[in-house]
Each structure stands twice: as structure tokens, then as C-alpha cells.
Amino acid sequence: MSVATRQTVTPAPFGFRVLPTAEAVPNARRRVIQAVRSWGLPLAEDALRDVELLSSELITNAVSHTHTHTHAPCVVCVSWDGERLRVEVTDVGHELPVAGGVDLDATGGRGLFLVAALATNWGAEPDPAGKRIWFEVGTTAAVSGDERLTELVRAPAPKARDVVPTSA
């Protein structure tokens, strides 16, 4: 695991708009990683890989939800506070996402599960434009993103007796 040398100057935040098309997501993800690499931050390669994956998840969610409502672009902002890298995605939707259980047979719906598993911290909050979803990745973590994800995947599934039925 290689870590870049520690940066002494905090770079200015980097932001850009992303058109609400699936084709725009790969370029947006590359722009995030190019900015982060150009800053020379003390992030390990596995942390940069997590940033790339999580950026893609949040941007894809914003683009797909925005496209179905208003066709408005989302805005991505990348910032560094000296300890953590933060990526924010703001879109015009007002419904805040909630990370729920993962259906192992589903073909989608794992994005926020990955964000919760790999990010040092994450959240969603109302924004005057709609909502802002963000994640942070730190320079050091007690357990790497891959190890945290492996722990979550290997966690035992709840047994039927542990599940509390809801009223219909």
C-alpha cells in the first residue's frame, strides 16, 4: 500500500456539473480522481479506489433520479480538510436516501450499502437546491475499506426469529 507524501497546502475545493445522462458518469468519476491525484494527498491506493467507486455510486444515483424528474444536472464538489477527502453530490431531488438491507437476489440497490461500508463517514441532508449526499475518506482507518466490506458481507443474515414482523 503506497501513500503519497503529506500535503502542506489545502487545495481549493473542486466542483463541476454533471449532465443527467448515464454516459456522463464515467467522465465525472474520472474528473474526481484526476483532481484528487493532482492534489498529491496522503491517501493510499485502496482509499483512492474507494473514492472512485463511491463517487460513481453517488453520481449514478443523482443522475438516474434527476433524469426521471427534471433533467437537471447534478453538482459534484470535492474538498480536502487536511485529514479527510469529502465528495458531495447535490441534485434537485428532495427525498433523502436511506441505506436499507441488501437483497442478495436484486440486480441493484447496493450503492448506499457500499457507501456505508467503505466510507469513513457519509450522510445525506437537505439543500436549497434539493439534497446533498456526501462521503468522506480519511488518510488512515483502523480497517481498510475492503476489510470493512468483507466483514459486512460475511456477517450472518438475520434469522427469522430475529426479524420483528410489521403490521400490514
Protein backbone atom coordinates (compact mmCIF):
# COMPACT_ATOMS: atom_id res chain seq x y z
CA MET A 1 0.00 0.00 0.00
CA SER A 2 1.63 3.23 -1.11
CA VAL A 3 0.74 6.56 0.40
CA ALA A 4 1.56 9.89 -1.23
CA THR A 5 3.64 12.38 0.70
CA ARG A 6 1.73 14.64 3.07
CA GLN A 7 0.50 17.84 1.51
CA THR A 8 1.10 21.09 3.42
CA VAL A 9 -1.29 23.35 1.48
CA THR A 10 -5.02 22.69 1.49
CA PRO A 11 -6.22 22.74 -2.11
CA ALA A 12 -9.26 24.79 -3.09
CA PRO A 13 -12.43 22.73 -3.45
CA PHE A 14 -13.10 21.47 -6.96
CA GLY A 15 -16.64 21.39 -8.33
CA PHE A 16 -18.39 20.71 -11.60
CA ARG A 17 -21.80 19.95 -13.09
CA VAL A 18 -22.79 16.55 -14.44
CA LEU A 19 -25.46 16.22 -17.11
CA PRO A 20 -28.27 13.80 -16.20
CA THR A 21 -27.22 11.01 -18.56
CA ALA A 22 -25.66 7.64 -17.81
CA GLU A 23 -22.94 8.46 -20.34
CA ALA A 24 -21.77 11.39 -18.17
CA VAL A 25 -20.97 9.24 -15.11
CA PRO A 26 -17.61 7.70 -16.20
CA ASN A 27 -16.22 11.12 -17.14
CA ALA A 28 -17.41 12.61 -13.83
CA ARG A 29 -15.77 9.79 -11.87
CA ARG A 30 -12.51 10.36 -13.78
CA ARG A 31 -12.65 14.09 -13.02
CA VAL A 32 -12.96 13.38 -9.30
CA ILE A 33 -9.96 11.03 -9.31
CA GLN A 34 -7.86 13.34 -11.52
CA ALA A 35 -8.45 16.23 -9.11
CA VAL A 36 -7.61 14.13 -6.06
CA ARG A 37 -4.44 12.73 -7.65
CA SER A 38 -3.33 16.20 -8.77
CA TRP A 39 -3.54 17.40 -5.16
CA GLY A 40 -0.96 14.80 -4.04
CA LEU A 41 -2.95 13.86 -0.95
CA PRO A 42 -1.69 11.29 1.55
CA LEU A 43 -4.23 8.67 0.50
CA ALA A 44 -3.40 5.03 -0.06
CA GLU A 45 -4.25 3.40 -3.39
CA ASP A 46 -7.07 1.41 -1.79
CA ALA A 47 -8.55 4.67 -0.46
CA LEU A 48 -8.38 6.17 -3.96
CA ARG A 49 -10.10 3.07 -5.32
CA ASP A 50 -12.84 3.54 -2.71
CA VAL A 51 -13.20 7.21 -3.71
CA GLU A 52 -13.60 6.21 -7.34
CA LEU A 53 -16.25 3.57 -6.59
CA LEU A 54 -18.20 5.71 -4.11
CA SER A 55 -18.12 8.76 -6.40
CA SER A 56 -19.53 6.61 -9.17
CA GLU A 57 -22.31 5.33 -6.89
CA LEU A 58 -23.42 8.78 -5.72
CA ILE A 59 -23.19 10.37 -9.17
CA THR A 60 -25.07 7.47 -10.77
CA ASN A 61 -27.85 7.76 -8.18
CA ALA A 62 -28.12 11.52 -8.68
CA VAL A 63 -28.12 11.25 -12.47
CA SER A 64 -30.68 8.45 -12.59
CA HIS A 65 -33.05 10.12 -10.12
CA THR A 66 -32.64 13.59 -11.60
CA HIS A 67 -33.18 12.31 -15.14
CA THR A 68 -36.55 10.86 -14.24
CA HIS A 69 -37.75 14.12 -12.66
CA THR A 70 -36.38 17.28 -14.20
CA HIS A 71 -33.40 16.55 -16.45
CA ALA A 72 -31.38 19.00 -14.32
CA PRO A 73 -27.64 18.45 -13.86
CA CYS A 74 -26.23 17.46 -10.51
CA VAL A 75 -23.22 19.19 -8.95
CA VAL A 76 -20.15 17.37 -7.64
CA CYS A 77 -17.80 19.05 -5.15
CA VAL A 78 -14.53 17.54 -3.95
CA SER A 79 -12.70 19.02 -0.97
CA TRP A 80 -9.87 18.23 1.42
CA ASP A 81 -9.70 19.44 5.04
CA GLY A 82 -6.21 18.18 5.83
CA GLU A 83 -7.46 14.89 7.28
CA ARG A 84 -10.33 13.73 5.09
CA LEU A 85 -11.33 13.89 1.46
CA ARG A 86 -15.01 14.77 1.01
CA VAL A 87 -17.09 14.22 -2.12
CA GLU A 88 -20.54 15.82 -2.24
CA VAL A 89 -23.19 15.30 -4.90
CA THR A 90 -26.09 17.75 -4.94
CA ASP A 91 -29.19 17.22 -7.05
CA VAL A 92 -32.68 18.69 -7.30
CA GLY A 93 -34.44 15.71 -5.70
CA HIS A 94 -35.78 16.31 -2.20
CA GLU A 95 -36.19 12.73 -0.98
CA LEU A 96 -33.28 11.75 1.26
CA PRO A 97 -31.95 8.24 0.69
CA VAL A 98 -31.87 5.65 3.42
CA ALA A 99 -29.44 2.75 3.44
CA GLY A 100 -31.52 -0.35 3.95
CA GLY A 101 -31.00 -4.06 3.85
CA VAL A 102 -29.46 -5.63 0.78
CA ASP A 103 -31.49 -8.11 -1.26
CA LEU A 104 -28.87 -10.59 -2.42
CA ASP A 105 -31.01 -11.54 -5.43
CA ALA A 106 -31.56 -7.96 -6.60
CA THR A 107 -29.58 -6.55 -9.52
CA GLY A 108 -29.35 -3.08 -7.93
CA GLY A 109 -29.84 -1.27 -4.66
CA ARG A 110 -26.41 -1.85 -3.18
CA GLY A 111 -24.98 1.63 -3.69
CA LEU A 112 -25.61 3.06 -0.24
CA PHE A 113 -24.60 -0.25 1.32
CA LEU A 114 -21.21 0.19 -0.38
CA VAL A 115 -21.00 3.83 0.67
CA ALA A 116 -21.75 2.93 4.30
CA ALA A 117 -19.26 0.06 4.20
CA LEU A 118 -16.33 1.80 2.53
CA ALA A 119 -16.52 5.46 3.57
CA THR A 120 -15.05 6.79 6.79
CA ASN A 121 -18.26 8.78 7.16
CA TRP A 122 -21.24 9.62 4.96
CA GLY A 123 -24.58 11.36 5.09
CA ALA A 124 -27.47 12.99 3.27
CA GLU A 125 -29.03 16.34 4.03
CA PRO A 126 -31.50 18.80 2.57
CA ASP A 127 -30.00 21.50 0.36
CA PRO A 128 -31.69 24.63 -1.03
CA ALA A 129 -31.35 23.04 -4.49
CA GLY A 130 -32.76 19.68 -3.34
CA LYS A 131 -30.46 17.33 -1.43
CA ARG A 132 -26.76 16.75 -0.88
CA ILE A 133 -25.29 13.29 -0.36
CA TRP A 134 -21.67 13.07 0.71
CA PHE A 135 -18.96 10.71 1.85
CA GLU A 136 -15.55 11.14 3.41
CA VAL A 137 -12.44 9.01 3.16
CA GLY A 138 -9.66 9.52 5.70
CA THR A 139 -5.93 9.12 5.39
CA THR A 140 -5.90 6.32 7.90
CA ALA A 141 -8.52 3.93 9.11
CA ALA A 142 -8.37 1.12 11.64
CA VAL A 143 -9.67 -1.22 8.95
CA SER A 144 -9.38 -0.70 5.20
CA GLY A 145 -12.47 -0.31 3.05
CA ASP A 146 -12.01 -3.79 1.57
CA GLU A 147 -11.74 -5.33 5.05
CA ARG A 148 -14.84 -3.44 6.28
CA LEU A 149 -16.81 -4.58 3.24
CA THR A 150 -15.68 -8.19 3.72
CA GLU A 151 -16.79 -8.06 7.38
CA LEU A 152 -20.23 -6.79 6.38
CA VAL A 153 -20.69 -9.36 3.62
CA ARG A 154 -19.67 -12.19 5.92
CA ALA A 155 -21.93 -11.02 8.76
CA PRO A 156 -24.64 -13.55 9.45
CA ALA A 157 -28.02 -12.81 7.93
CA PRO A 158 -30.76 -12.23 10.49
CA LYS A 159 -32.66 -15.37 11.39
CA ALA A 160 -36.44 -15.47 11.06
CA ARG A 161 -36.80 -15.33 14.85
CA ASP A 162 -34.75 -12.10 14.94
CA VAL A 163 -36.99 -10.29 12.47
CA VAL A 164 -39.86 -8.37 14.01
CA PRO A 165 -42.94 -8.53 11.77
CA THR A 166 -44.52 -5.24 10.77
CA SER A 167 -48.25 -4.74 10.69
CA ALA A 168 -49.79 -4.61 7.24
